């Protein structure tokens, strides 16, 4: 399971994320701030939902599904119609990839 980048989590939580730790079961992610204090421990599905909410606040909508034990996420911008599809090993991973793509698009503007 790939984790979301520190850059994405910094944008989602509106703080500087210094470190990310994925637990052994790969179901929870612990996030640390720049001052090394723990921001919190999040279930990957809860974190994926937070990323979807963040995208929605930026005028993007993400639809995601789990199929054939894999994940797929489609992301679309409300105003300009920019669209992308991302596949991952899991549904949360595909959501993280869609948000990473979105982050890269906002840098280009």
Protein backbone atom coordinates (compact mmCIF):
# COMPACT_ATOMS: atom_id res chain seq x y z
CA UNK A 1 0.00 0.00 0.00
CA UNK A 2 1.43 3.32 -0.94
CA UNK A 3 0.78 6.19 1.44
CA UNK A 4 -0.23 9.72 0.51
CA UNK A 5 2.68 12.14 0.25
CA UNK A 6 3.63 14.57 3.01
CA UNK A 7 2.79 17.35 0.55
CA UNK A 8 -0.76 16.07 0.05
CA UNK A 9 -1.36 15.56 3.77
CA UNK A 10 0.04 19.03 4.48
CA UNK A 11 -2.56 20.44 2.08
CA UNK A 12 -5.41 18.30 3.47
CA UNK A 13 -4.67 19.16 7.12
CA UNK A 14 -3.46 22.72 6.42
CA UNK A 15 -0.24 22.23 8.39
CA UNK A 16 3.32 21.11 7.61
CA UNK A 17 3.55 17.32 7.80
CA UNK A 18 7.06 16.16 8.68
CA UNK A 19 6.67 12.37 8.82
CA UNK A 20 4.20 9.58 8.05
CA UNK A 21 4.21 6.08 9.55
CA UNK A 22 2.15 3.19 8.19
CA UNK A 23 1.38 0.48 10.77
CA UNK A 24 2.33 -3.14 10.21
CA UNK A 25 -1.20 -4.12 9.24
CA UNK A 26 -1.21 -1.27 6.72
CA UNK A 27 -4.59 -0.06 7.96
CA UNK A 28 -3.57 3.02 9.96
CA UNK A 29 -1.33 5.98 9.23
CA UNK A 30 0.25 8.10 11.97
CA UNK A 31 0.94 11.68 10.90
CA UNK A 32 3.52 13.97 12.55
CA UNK A 33 3.73 17.75 12.32
CA UNK A 34 6.86 19.75 11.67
CA UNK A 35 7.44 20.22 15.42
CA UNK A 36 7.38 16.38 15.79
CA UNK A 37 4.05 16.38 17.60
CA UNK A 38 1.62 13.71 16.45
CA UNK A 39 -1.26 15.15 14.44
CA UNK A 40 -3.16 11.89 14.82
CA UNK A 41 -3.57 8.29 13.79
CA UNK A 42 -6.03 7.69 10.97
CA UNK A 43 -7.56 4.57 9.51
CA UNK A 44 -6.73 4.57 5.77
CA UNK A 45 -10.43 4.69 4.85
CA UNK A 46 -11.03 7.66 7.16
CA UNK A 47 -7.99 9.40 5.68
CA UNK A 48 -9.19 8.68 2.13
CA UNK A 49 -12.54 10.27 3.04
CA UNK A 50 -10.76 13.37 4.40
CA UNK A 51 -8.87 13.61 1.11
CA UNK A 52 -12.15 13.40 -0.82
CA UNK A 53 -13.60 16.22 1.32
CA UNK A 54 -10.48 18.32 0.71
CA UNK A 55 -10.80 17.77 -3.05
CA UNK A 56 -14.47 18.76 -2.94
CA UNK A 57 -13.53 22.03 -1.21
CA UNK A 58 -11.16 22.67 -4.15
CA UNK A 59 -13.96 22.14 -6.73
CA UNK A 60 -13.00 18.56 -7.58
CA UNK A 61 -15.22 15.55 -7.11
CA UNK A 62 -13.86 12.04 -6.66
CA UNK A 63 -15.87 8.88 -7.29
CA UNK A 64 -14.24 5.68 -6.14
CA UNK A 65 -15.02 1.98 -6.29
CA UNK A 66 -13.45 -1.25 -5.23
CA UNK A 67 -13.56 -3.91 -7.93
CA UNK A 68 -11.77 -7.22 -8.38
CA UNK A 69 -9.86 -6.58 -5.13
CA UNK A 70 -8.42 -3.37 -6.60
CA UNK A 71 -9.45 0.26 -6.42
CA UNK A 72 -10.36 2.84 -9.00
CA UNK A 73 -10.98 6.55 -8.57
CA UNK A 74 -12.25 9.09 -11.06
CA UNK A 75 -11.66 12.78 -10.39
CA UNK A 76 -13.30 15.70 -12.16
CA UNK A 77 -13.05 19.48 -11.81
CA UNK A 78 -16.46 21.17 -11.58
CA UNK A 79 -15.61 24.28 -13.56
CA UNK A 80 -13.20 23.31 -16.32
CA UNK A 81 -14.12 19.63 -16.73
CA UNK A 82 -10.54 18.38 -16.24
CA UNK A 83 -10.80 14.67 -15.57
CA UNK A 84 -8.56 11.70 -14.72
CA UNK A 85 -8.88 8.08 -13.65
CA UNK A 86 -6.45 6.46 -11.22
CA UNK A 87 -6.06 2.77 -10.41
CA UNK A 88 -4.56 1.47 -7.19
CA UNK A 89 -4.08 -1.76 -5.30
CA UNK A 90 -6.87 -0.63 -2.96
CA UNK A 91 -9.69 1.93 -3.09
CA UNK A 92 -7.95 4.30 -0.61
CA UNK A 93 -4.72 4.10 -2.63
CA UNK A 94 -6.59 5.09 -5.81
CA UNK A 95 -8.15 8.05 -3.94
CA UNK A 96 -4.72 9.16 -2.71
CA UNK A 97 -3.39 8.90 -6.29
CA UNK A 98 -6.31 10.98 -7.60
CA UNK A 99 -5.59 13.66 -4.99
CA UNK A 100 -1.88 13.60 -5.82
CA UNK A 101 -2.83 14.13 -9.48
CA UNK A 102 -5.08 17.02 -8.44
CA UNK A 103 -2.25 18.57 -6.44
CA UNK A 104 0.04 18.35 -9.49
CA UNK A 105 -2.63 20.06 -11.63
CA UNK A 106 -2.97 22.98 -9.24
CA UNK A 107 0.82 23.50 -9.41
CA UNK A 108 0.59 23.83 -13.20
CA UNK A 109 -1.91 26.69 -12.96
